[in-house]
Amino acid sequence: MSYIQPANHIPFILKSETEIIKEAFRSLDATNGGIETYPICDYLLHSLFLRLTGAQEQKLKCICWEMACRDYEYRYERYERKPYGECSSYDDKCMVYNDLLNEIKKLDESFTVTDAIKDEILDDWKVSIQRVFENSLLAQNFKKSYGEYKVLVANVRKSWIMNKKQLFTKKDNISELERQATCGLVLQELFTDYVYKERNRCAHNTRSYQHNLPSIKEMMSKGYKLQNYFLYMSIIILLDKIYIKLFEIYLSKMM
């Protein structure tokens, strides 16, 4: 394994994306919190969501470069033979996850993702995201969406994350009873079918030519409650917690 001095992306990688949410919420402090803030909050949600997804894509690229600066074989494999895309899709995110695991195992062959690691990540995620959202102006203005989000998040279990080579456990490995807690969908589907698609809609403004309001049929569908920005942002933060934890482990093994 070869080593050269990398660019200092480490502070950015280790910085939680909850700080981006906090910054956005502080911008609302200039308002008086009245009904006139509702359209501001609605606009802010889209902008905040894009900032979170964009920051995560840049973070994953920085993680890859940090590892490539320390391991020439990895640099050749990842940047010459099998380059990444934008690190926005689920497959790209799993590739970075597996690359991190592989680099850790090069330094410590006995390393495995234990239940203790999963518990730490989930506990940190649930506590930190609740502190950010709870009593915020966004949560007050979108009470129904926030209430539905809290029910969904409360049912996330450690067996749903970091399963072998997958960030999120596949549907076939989760019981029907567990899936019912999240409208029949699991985290992998929530990301690919909702978070990722919404990221593309916002990035390309595809709704600019579409009707502003959903149809009655759409509002009655089972998946309508999953069109929830609190849920989208929390899944991005969960991914962020996973990468930060693994990168911390990677750095500790380098010492």
C-alpha atoms as a PDB file:
ATOM      1  CA  MET A   1       0.000   0.000   0.000  1.00  0.00           C
ATOM      2  CA  SER A   2       1.473   3.333  -1.089  1.00  0.00           C
ATOM      3  CA  TYR A   3       0.979   6.665   0.581  1.00  0.00           C
ATOM      4  CA  ILE A   4       1.123  10.317  -0.482  1.00  0.00           C
ATOM      5  CA  GLN A   5      -0.129  13.368   1.359  1.00  0.00           C
ATOM      6  CA  PRO A   6      -3.817  13.828   0.426  1.00  0.00           C
ATOM      7  CA  ALA A   7      -5.754  17.054   0.163  1.00  0.00           C
ATOM      8  CA  ASN A   8      -7.368  17.874   3.478  1.00  0.00           C
ATOM      9  CA  HIS A   9     -10.962  16.829   2.883  1.00  0.00           C
ATOM     10  CA  ILE A  10     -11.187  15.129   6.270  1.00  0.00           C
ATOM     11  CA  PRO A  11     -12.939  17.947   8.209  1.00  0.00           C
ATOM     12  CA  PHE A  12     -15.604  18.147   5.494  1.00  0.00           C
ATOM     13  CA  ILE A  13     -16.084  14.368   5.452  1.00  0.00           C
ATOM     14  CA  LEU A  14     -16.471  14.157   9.230  1.00  0.00           C
ATOM     15  CA  LYS A  15     -18.844  17.125   9.451  1.00  0.00           C
ATOM     16  CA  SER A  16     -22.441  15.980   9.860  1.00  0.00           C
ATOM     17  CA  GLU A  17     -24.916  17.151   7.242  1.00  0.00           C
ATOM     18  CA  THR A  18     -27.295  18.080  10.047  1.00  0.00           C
ATOM     19  CA  GLU A  19     -25.290  21.331  10.138  1.00  0.00           C
ATOM     20  CA  ILE A  20     -26.709  22.191   6.711  1.00  0.00           C
ATOM     21  CA  ILE A  21     -30.236  21.754   8.076  1.00  0.00           C
ATOM     22  CA  LYS A  22     -29.421  23.901  11.098  1.00  0.00           C
ATOM     23  CA  GLU A  23     -28.131  26.684   8.851  1.00  0.00           C
ATOM     24  CA  ALA A  24     -31.332  26.597   6.823  1.00  0.00           C
ATOM     25  CA  PHE A  25     -33.479  26.706   9.941  1.00  0.00           C
ATOM     26  CA  ARG A  26     -31.527  29.674  11.273  1.00  0.00           C
ATOM     27  CA  SER A  27     -32.460  31.595   8.133  1.00  0.00           C
ATOM     28  CA  LEU A  28     -36.086  31.320   9.236  1.00  0.00           C
ATOM     29  CA  ASP A  29     -35.313  33.065  12.513  1.00  0.00           C
ATOM     30  CA  ALA A  30     -35.587  36.397  10.684  1.00  0.00           C
ATOM     31  CA  THR A  31     -39.324  35.801  10.241  1.00  0.00           C
ATOM     32  CA  ASN A  32     -41.989  36.186  12.901  1.00  0.00           C
ATOM     33  CA  GLY A  33     -43.253  32.642  12.415  1.00  0.00           C
ATOM     34  CA  GLY A  34     -46.691  33.680  11.172  1.00  0.00           C
ATOM     35  CA  ILE A  35     -48.798  32.166   8.415  1.00  0.00           C
ATOM     36  CA  GLU A  36     -46.862  34.165   5.825  1.00  0.00           C
ATOM     37  CA  THR A  37     -43.861  31.887   6.452  1.00  0.00           C
ATOM     38  CA  TYR A  38     -45.661  28.846   4.997  1.00  0.00           C
ATOM     39  CA  PRO A  39     -44.733  29.531   1.333  1.00  0.00           C
ATOM     40  CA  ILE A  40     -41.186  30.380   2.461  1.00  0.00           C
ATOM     41  CA  CYS A  41     -40.906  27.026   4.229  1.00  0.00           C
ATOM     42  CA  ASP A  42     -42.258  25.195   1.195  1.00  0.00           C
ATOM     43  CA  TYR A  43     -39.635  26.808  -1.034  1.00  0.00           C
ATOM     44  CA  LEU A  44     -36.914  26.240   1.555  1.00  0.00           C
ATOM     45  CA  LEU A  45     -37.628  22.500   1.714  1.00  0.00           C
ATOM     46  CA  HIS A  46     -36.753  22.037  -1.965  1.00  0.00           C
ATOM     47  CA  SER A  47     -33.601  24.129  -1.703  1.00  0.00           C
ATOM     48  CA  LEU A  48     -32.469  22.417   1.504  1.00  0.00           C
ATOM     49  CA  PHE A  49     -33.056  18.958   0.062  1.00  0.00           C
ATOM     50  CA  LEU A  50     -30.910  19.779  -2.973  1.00  0.00           C
ATOM     51  CA  ARG A  51     -28.114  21.143  -0.777  1.00  0.00           C
ATOM     52  CA  LEU A  52     -28.126  17.942   1.292  1.00  0.00           C
ATOM     53  CA  THR A  53     -28.006  15.628  -1.718  1.00  0.00           C
ATOM     54  CA  GLY A  54     -25.349  17.743  -3.427  1.00  0.00           C
ATOM     55  CA  ALA A  55     -23.166  17.904  -0.321  1.00  0.00           C
ATOM     56  CA  GLN A  56     -23.388  14.142   0.087  1.00  0.00           C
ATOM     57  CA  GLU A  57     -22.346  13.536  -3.507  1.00  0.00           C
ATOM     58  CA  GLN A  58     -19.302  15.745  -2.987  1.00  0.00           C
ATOM     59  CA  LYS A  59     -18.521  14.033   0.321  1.00  0.00           C
ATOM     60  CA  LEU A  60     -18.473  10.591  -1.294  1.00  0.00           C
ATOM     61  CA  LYS A  61     -16.113  11.840  -4.000  1.00  0.00           C
ATOM     62  CA  CYS A  62     -13.852  13.252  -1.278  1.00  0.00           C
ATOM     63  CA  ILE A  63     -13.886   9.924   0.581  1.00  0.00           C
ATOM     64  CA  CYS A  64     -12.825   8.138  -2.594  1.00  0.00           C
ATOM     65  CA  TRP A  65     -10.034  10.618  -3.232  1.00  0.00           C
ATOM     66  CA  GLU A  66      -8.758  10.370   0.336  1.00  0.00           C
ATOM     67  CA  MET A  67      -8.536   6.586  -0.032  1.00  0.00           C
ATOM     68  CA  ALA A  68      -6.986   6.893  -3.498  1.00  0.00           C
ATOM     69  CA  CYS A  69      -4.261   9.156  -2.123  1.00  0.00           C
ATOM     70  CA  ARG A  70      -3.262   6.395   0.293  1.00  0.00           C
ATOM     71  CA  ASP A  71      -3.696   3.347  -1.945  1.00  0.00           C
ATOM     72  CA  TYR A  72      -2.408   3.452  -5.522  1.00  0.00           C
ATOM     73  CA  GLU A  73      -4.034   0.122  -6.394  1.00  0.00           C
ATOM     74  CA  TYR A  74      -7.402   1.473  -5.351  1.00  0.00           C
ATOM     75  CA  ARG A  75      -6.751   4.663  -7.315  1.00  0.00           C
ATOM     76  CA  TYR A  76      -6.128   2.686 -10.505  1.00  0.00           C
ATOM     77  CA  GLU A  77      -9.123   0.421  -9.951  1.00  0.00           C
ATOM     78  CA  ARG A  78     -11.570   3.185  -9.187  1.00  0.00           C
ATOM     79  CA  TYR A  79     -10.393   6.037 -11.387  1.00  0.00           C
ATOM     80  CA  GLU A  80      -9.074   4.135 -14.402  1.00  0.00           C
ATOM     81  CA  ARG A  81     -10.990   0.878 -14.702  1.00  0.00           C
ATOM     82  CA  LYS A  82     -14.342   1.490 -13.000  1.00  0.00           C
ATOM     83  CA  PRO A  83     -14.915   5.208 -12.461  1.00  0.00           C
ATOM     84  CA  TYR A  84     -17.847   6.469 -10.433  1.00  0.00           C
ATOM     85  CA  GLY A  85     -20.744   8.476 -11.717  1.00  0.00           C
ATOM     86  CA  GLU A  86     -22.067  11.430  -9.734  1.00  0.00           C
ATOM     87  CA  CYS A  87     -22.360   9.355  -6.525  1.00  0.00           C
ATOM     88  CA  SER A  88     -26.064  10.156  -6.490  1.00  0.00           C
ATOM     89  CA  SER A  89     -27.606   6.782  -7.356  1.00  0.00           C
ATOM     90  CA  TYR A  90     -28.043   3.938  -4.887  1.00  0.00           C
ATOM     91  CA  ASP A  91     -25.561   1.756  -6.784  1.00  0.00           C
ATOM     92  CA  ASP A  92     -22.885   4.468  -6.622  1.00  0.00           C
ATOM     93  CA  LYS A  93     -23.479   4.946  -2.909  1.00  0.00           C
ATOM     94  CA  CYS A  94     -23.140   1.194  -2.341  1.00  0.00           C
ATOM     95  CA  MET A  95     -19.883   1.203  -4.326  1.00  0.00           C
ATOM     96  CA  VAL A  96     -18.391   3.839  -2.033  1.00  0.00           C
ATOM     97  CA  TYR A  97     -19.679   1.915   0.998  1.00  0.00           C
ATOM     98  CA  ASN A  98     -18.018  -1.282  -0.205  1.00  0.00           C
ATOM     99  CA  ASP A  99     -14.816   0.535  -1.107  1.00  0.00           C
ATOM    100  CA  LEU A 100     -14.638   1.891   2.427  1.00  0.00           C
ATOM    101  CA  LEU A 101     -15.171  -1.576   3.876  1.00  0.00           C
ATOM    102  CA  ASN A 102     -12.513  -3.056   1.592  1.00  0.00           C
ATOM    103  CA  GLU A 103      -9.961  -0.386   2.513  1.00  0.00           C
ATOM    104  CA  ILE A 104     -10.637  -0.968   6.214  1.00  0.00           C
ATOM    105  CA  LYS A 105     -10.195  -4.716   5.764  1.00  0.00           C
ATOM    106  CA  LYS A 106      -6.861  -4.155   4.027  1.00  0.00           C
ATOM    107  CA  LEU A 107      -5.739  -2.551   7.276  1.00  0.00           C
ATOM    108  CA  ASP A 108      -7.556  -4.975   9.588  1.00  0.00           C
ATOM    109  CA  GLU A 109      -8.665  -8.291   8.115  1.00  0.00           C
ATOM    110  CA  SER A 110     -10.741  -9.114  11.197  1.00  0.00           C
ATOM    111  CA  PHE A 111     -13.003  -6.073  10.823  1.00  0.00           C
ATOM    112  CA  THR A 112     -16.752  -6.676  10.482  1.00  0.00           C
ATOM    113  CA  VAL A 113     -19.795  -4.442  10.791  1.00  0.00           C
ATOM    114  CA  THR A 114     -21.093  -5.427  14.221  1.00  0.00           C
ATOM    115  CA  ASP A 115     -24.469  -4.833  15.833  1.00  0.00           C
ATOM    116  CA  ALA A 116     -22.746  -2.366  18.160  1.00  0.00           C
ATOM    117  CA  ILE A 117     -21.676  -0.252  15.180  1.00  0.00           C
ATOM    118  CA  LYS A 118     -25.194  -0.352  13.744  1.00  0.00           C
ATOM    119  CA  ASP A 119     -26.724   0.572  17.112  1.00  0.00           C
ATOM    120  CA  GLU A 120     -24.354   3.509  17.474  1.00  0.00           C
ATOM    121  CA  ILE A 121     -25.211   4.799  13.998  1.00  0.00           C
ATOM    122  CA  LEU A 122     -28.976   4.459  14.451  1.00  0.00           C
ATOM    123  CA  ASP A 123     -28.963   6.003  17.924  1.00  0.00           C
ATOM    124  CA  ASP A 124     -26.872   8.945  16.739  1.00  0.00           C
ATOM    125  CA  TRP A 125     -29.122   9.367  13.699  1.00  0.00           C
ATOM    126  CA  LYS A 126     -32.425   9.301  15.567  1.00  0.00           C
ATOM    127  CA  VAL A 127     -31.253  11.635  18.337  1.00  0.00           C
ATOM    128  CA  SER A 128     -29.512  14.169  16.101  1.00  0.00           C
ATOM    129  CA  ILE A 129     -32.270  14.375  13.504  1.00  0.00           C
ATOM    130  CA  GLN A 130     -34.960  14.760  16.158  1.00  0.00           C
ATOM    131  CA  ARG A 131     -33.035  17.602  17.804  1.00  0.00           C
ATOM    132  CA  VAL A 132     -32.888  19.399  14.481  1.00  0.00           C
ATOM    133  CA  PHE A 133     -36.501  18.887  13.378  1.00  0.00           C
ATOM    134  CA  GLU A 134     -38.388  19.012  16.676  1.00  0.00           C
ATOM    135  CA  ASN A 135     -40.004  22.403  17.412  1.00  0.00           C
ATOM    136  CA  SER A 136     -38.638  23.862  14.172  1.00  0.00           C
ATOM    137  CA  LEU A 137     -40.778  26.204  12.100  1.00  0.00           C
ATOM    138  CA  LEU A 138     -40.843  23.629   9.313  1.00  0.00           C
ATOM    139  CA  ALA A 139     -42.214  20.957  11.646  1.00  0.00           C
ATOM    140  CA  GLN A 140     -44.853  23.403  12.920  1.00  0.00           C
ATOM    141  CA  ASN A 141     -45.959  24.392   9.413  1.00  0.00           C
ATOM    142  CA  PHE A 142     -46.066  20.819   8.123  1.00  0.00           C
ATOM    143  CA  LYS A 143     -47.405  19.019  11.189  1.00  0.00           C
ATOM    144  CA  LYS A 144     -49.093  16.198   9.280  1.00  0.00           C
ATOM    145  CA  SER A 145     -46.001  15.373   7.219  1.00  0.00           C
ATOM    146  CA  TYR A 146     -43.779  15.594  10.276  1.00  0.00           C
ATOM    147  CA  GLY A 147     -46.072  13.312  12.299  1.00  0.00           C
ATOM    148  CA  GLU A 148     -46.125  10.702   9.515  1.00  0.00           C
ATOM    149  CA  TYR A 149     -42.351  10.943   9.204  1.00  0.00           C
ATOM    150  CA  LYS A 150     -41.821  10.251  12.923  1.00  0.00           C
ATOM    151  CA  VAL A 151     -43.933   7.083  12.739  1.00  0.00           C
ATOM    152  CA  LEU A 152     -41.931   5.787   9.780  1.00  0.00           C
ATOM    153  CA  VAL A 153     -38.534   6.543  11.326  1.00  0.00           C
ATOM    154  CA  ALA A 154     -39.478   4.966  14.653  1.00  0.00           C
ATOM    155  CA  ASN A 155     -39.828   1.610  12.865  1.00  0.00           C
ATOM    156  CA  VAL A 156     -36.349   1.554  11.306  1.00  0.00           C
ATOM    157  CA  ARG A 157     -34.313  -1.348  12.716  1.00  0.00           C
ATOM    158  CA  LYS A 158     -30.614  -2.136  12.747  1.00  0.00           C
ATOM    159  CA  SER A 159     -31.199  -5.253  10.643  1.00  0.00           C
ATOM    160  CA  TRP A 160     -32.266  -2.910   7.833  1.00  0.00           C
ATOM    161  CA  ILE A 161     -28.859  -1.292   7.352  1.00  0.00           C
ATOM    162  CA  MET A 162     -25.325  -2.322   6.356  1.00  0.00           C
ATOM    163  CA  ASN A 163     -26.134  -5.885   5.314  1.00  0.00           C
ATOM    164  CA  LYS A 164     -23.045  -7.406   3.677  1.00  0.00           C
ATOM    165  CA  LYS A 165     -22.499  -5.423   0.453  1.00  0.00           C
ATOM    166  CA  GLN A 166     -25.720  -3.433   0.669  1.00  0.00           C
ATOM    167  CA  LEU A 167     -26.238  -0.151   2.504  1.00  0.00           C
ATOM    168  CA  PHE A 168     -29.871  -1.090   3.022  1.00  0.00           C
ATOM    169  CA  THR A 169     -31.302  -4.582   3.386  1.00  0.00           C
ATOM    170  CA  LYS A 170     -33.203  -5.826   0.354  1.00  0.00           C
ATOM    171  CA  LYS A 171     -36.964  -6.301   0.460  1.00  0.00           C
ATOM    172  CA  ASP A 172     -36.756 -10.102   0.250  1.00  0.00           C
ATOM    173  CA  ASN A 173     -34.818 -10.210   3.521  1.00  0.00           C
ATOM    174  CA  ILE A 174     -37.379  -8.214   5.525  1.00  0.00           C
ATOM    175  CA  SER A 175     -40.604  -9.765   6.765  1.00  0.00           C
ATOM    176  CA  GLU A 176     -43.995  -8.593   5.512  1.00  0.00           C
ATOM    177  CA  LEU A 177     -44.914  -7.470   9.025  1.00  0.00           C
ATOM    178  CA  GLU A 178     -41.828  -5.243   9.197  1.00  0.00           C
ATOM    179  CA  ARG A 179     -42.532  -3.803   5.761  1.00  0.00           C
ATOM    180  CA  GLN A 180     -46.057  -2.821   6.775  1.00  0.00           C
ATOM    181  CA  ALA A 181     -44.566  -0.328   9.246  1.00  0.00           C
ATOM    182  CA  THR A 182     -43.270   1.687   6.284  1.00  0.00           C
ATOM    183  CA  CYS A 183     -46.192   1.290   3.874  1.00  0.00           C
ATOM    184  CA  GLY A 184     -44.733  -1.925   2.478  1.00  0.00           C
ATOM    185  CA  LEU A 185     -41.466  -0.337   1.394  1.00  0.00           C
ATOM    186  CA  VAL A 186     -37.956  -0.749   2.788  1.00  0.00           C
ATOM    187  CA  LEU A 187     -35.115   1.773   2.974  1.00  0.00           C
ATOM    188  CA  GLN A 188     -33.596   0.706  -0.338  1.00  0.00           C
ATOM    189  CA  GLU A 189     -36.887   1.283  -2.132  1.00  0.00           C
ATOM    190  CA  LEU A 190     -37.538   4.491  -0.239  1.00  0.00           C
ATOM    191  CA  PHE A 191     -34.236   5.814  -1.531  1.00  0.00           C
ATOM    192  CA  THR A 192     -34.427   4.589  -5.134  1.00  0.00           C
ATOM    193  CA  ASP A 193     -38.150   5.203  -5.713  1.00  0.00           C
ATOM    194  CA  TYR A 194     -38.568   8.431  -3.757  1.00  0.00           C
ATOM    195  CA  VAL A 195     -35.383  10.165  -2.568  1.00  0.00           C
ATOM    196  CA  TYR A 196     -33.360   9.635  -5.748  1.00  0.00           C
ATOM    197  CA  LYS A 197     -36.262  10.427  -8.059  1.00  0.00           C
ATOM    198  CA  GLU A 198     -37.070  13.590  -6.100  1.00  0.00           C
ATOM    199  CA  ARG A 199     -33.408  14.585  -6.282  1.00  0.00           C
ATOM    200  CA  ASN A 200     -33.574  14.352 -10.076  1.00  0.00           C
ATOM    201  CA  ARG A 201     -36.878  16.230 -10.249  1.00  0.00           C
ATOM    202  CA  CYS A 202     -35.522  19.112  -8.189  1.00  0.00           C
ATOM    203  CA  ALA A 203     -32.141  19.186  -9.931  1.00  0.00           C
ATOM    204  CA  HIS A 204     -33.744  19.365 -13.378  1.00  0.00           C
ATOM    205  CA  ASN A 205     -36.908  21.232 -12.295  1.00  0.00           C
ATOM    206  CA  THR A 206     -39.096  18.710 -14.134  1.00  0.00           C
ATOM    207  CA  ARG A 207     -42.185  19.868 -12.267  1.00  0.00           C
ATOM    208  CA  SER A 208     -41.973  23.292 -13.927  1.00  0.00           C
ATOM    209  CA  TYR A 209     -44.270  22.113 -16.726  1.00  0.00           C
ATOM    210  CA  GLN A 210     -46.507  19.880 -14.586  1.00  0.00           C
ATOM    211  CA  HIS A 211     -49.634  20.609 -12.563  1.00  0.00           C
ATOM    212  CA  ASN A 212     -48.836  22.089  -9.156  1.00  0.00           C
ATOM    213  CA  LEU A 213     -51.294  19.953  -7.193  1.00  0.00           C
ATOM    214  CA  PRO A 214     -51.548  16.115  -7.015  1.00  0.00           C
ATOM    215  CA  SER A 215     -54.658  14.341  -8.230  1.00  0.00           C
ATOM    216  CA  ILE A 216     -57.203  12.866  -5.813  1.00  0.00           C
ATOM    217  CA  LYS A 217     -56.170   9.395  -6.976  1.00  0.00           C
ATOM    218  CA  GLU A 218     -52.546  10.139  -6.147  1.00  0.00           C
ATOM    219  CA  MET A 219     -53.387  11.517  -2.705  1.00  0.00           C
ATOM    220  CA  MET A 220     -55.332   8.328  -1.911  1.00  0.00           C
ATOM    221  CA  SER A 221     -52.484   6.022  -2.901  1.00  0.00           C
ATOM    222  CA  LYS A 222     -50.496   4.102  -0.267  1.00  0.00           C
ATOM    223  CA  GLY A 223     -47.253   5.741  -1.271  1.00  0.00           C
ATOM    224  CA  TYR A 224     -48.477   9.332  -1.027  1.00  0.00           C
ATOM    225  CA  LYS A 225     -47.437   9.696   2.608  1.00  0.00           C
ATOM    226  CA  LEU A 226     -43.947   8.636   1.574  1.00  0.00           C
ATOM    227  CA  GLN A 227     -43.649  11.796  -0.517  1.00  0.00           C
ATOM    228  CA  ASN A 228     -42.326  13.480   2.578  1.00  0.00           C
ATOM    229  CA  TYR A 229     -39.359  15.845   2.698  1.00  0.00           C
ATOM    230  CA  PHE A 230     -38.685  15.107   6.361  1.00  0.00           C
ATOM    231  CA  LEU A 231     -38.338  11.449   5.401  1.00  0.00           C
ATOM    232  CA  TYR A 232     -36.152  12.254   2.395  1.00  0.00           C
ATOM    233  CA  MET A 233     -33.787  14.400   4.446  1.00  0.00           C
ATOM    234  CA  SER A 234     -33.589  11.885   7.285  1.00  0.00           C
ATOM    235  CA  ILE A 235     -32.553   9.097   4.898  1.00  0.00           C
ATOM    236  CA  ILE A 236     -29.807  11.336   3.500  1.00  0.00           C
ATOM    237  CA  ILE A 237     -28.648  11.988   7.070  1.00  0.00           C
ATOM    238  CA  LEU A 238     -28.717   8.245   7.858  1.00  0.00           C
ATOM    239  CA  LEU A 239     -26.440   7.593   4.894  1.00  0.00           C
ATOM    240  CA  ASP A 240     -24.223  10.423   6.094  1.00  0.00           C
ATOM    241  CA  LYS A 241     -23.937   8.844   9.552  1.00  0.00           C
ATOM    242  CA  ILE A 242     -22.931   5.511   7.993  1.00  0.00           C
ATOM    243  CA  TYR A 243     -20.177   7.052   5.885  1.00  0.00           C
ATOM    244  CA  ILE A 244     -18.858   9.204   8.723  1.00  0.00           C
ATOM    245  CA  LYS A 245     -18.665   6.251  11.096  1.00  0.00           C
ATOM    246  CA  LEU A 246     -16.875   4.025   8.580  1.00  0.00           C
ATOM    247  CA  PHE A 247     -14.477   6.799   7.617  1.00  0.00           C
ATOM    248  CA  GLU A 248     -13.651   7.356  11.300  1.00  0.00           C
ATOM    249  CA  ILE A 249     -12.877   3.642  11.581  1.00  0.00           C
ATOM    250  CA  TYR A 250     -10.768   3.838   8.421  1.00  0.00           C
ATOM    251  CA  LEU A 251      -8.743   6.738   9.832  1.00  0.00           C
ATOM    252  CA  SER A 252      -8.253   4.940  13.150  1.00  0.00           C
ATOM    253  CA  LYS A 253      -6.878   1.876  11.323  1.00  0.00           C
ATOM    254  CA  MET A 254      -4.435   4.093   9.436  1.00  0.00           C
ATOM    255  CA  MET A 255      -2.754   5.152  12.679  1.00  0.00           C
END
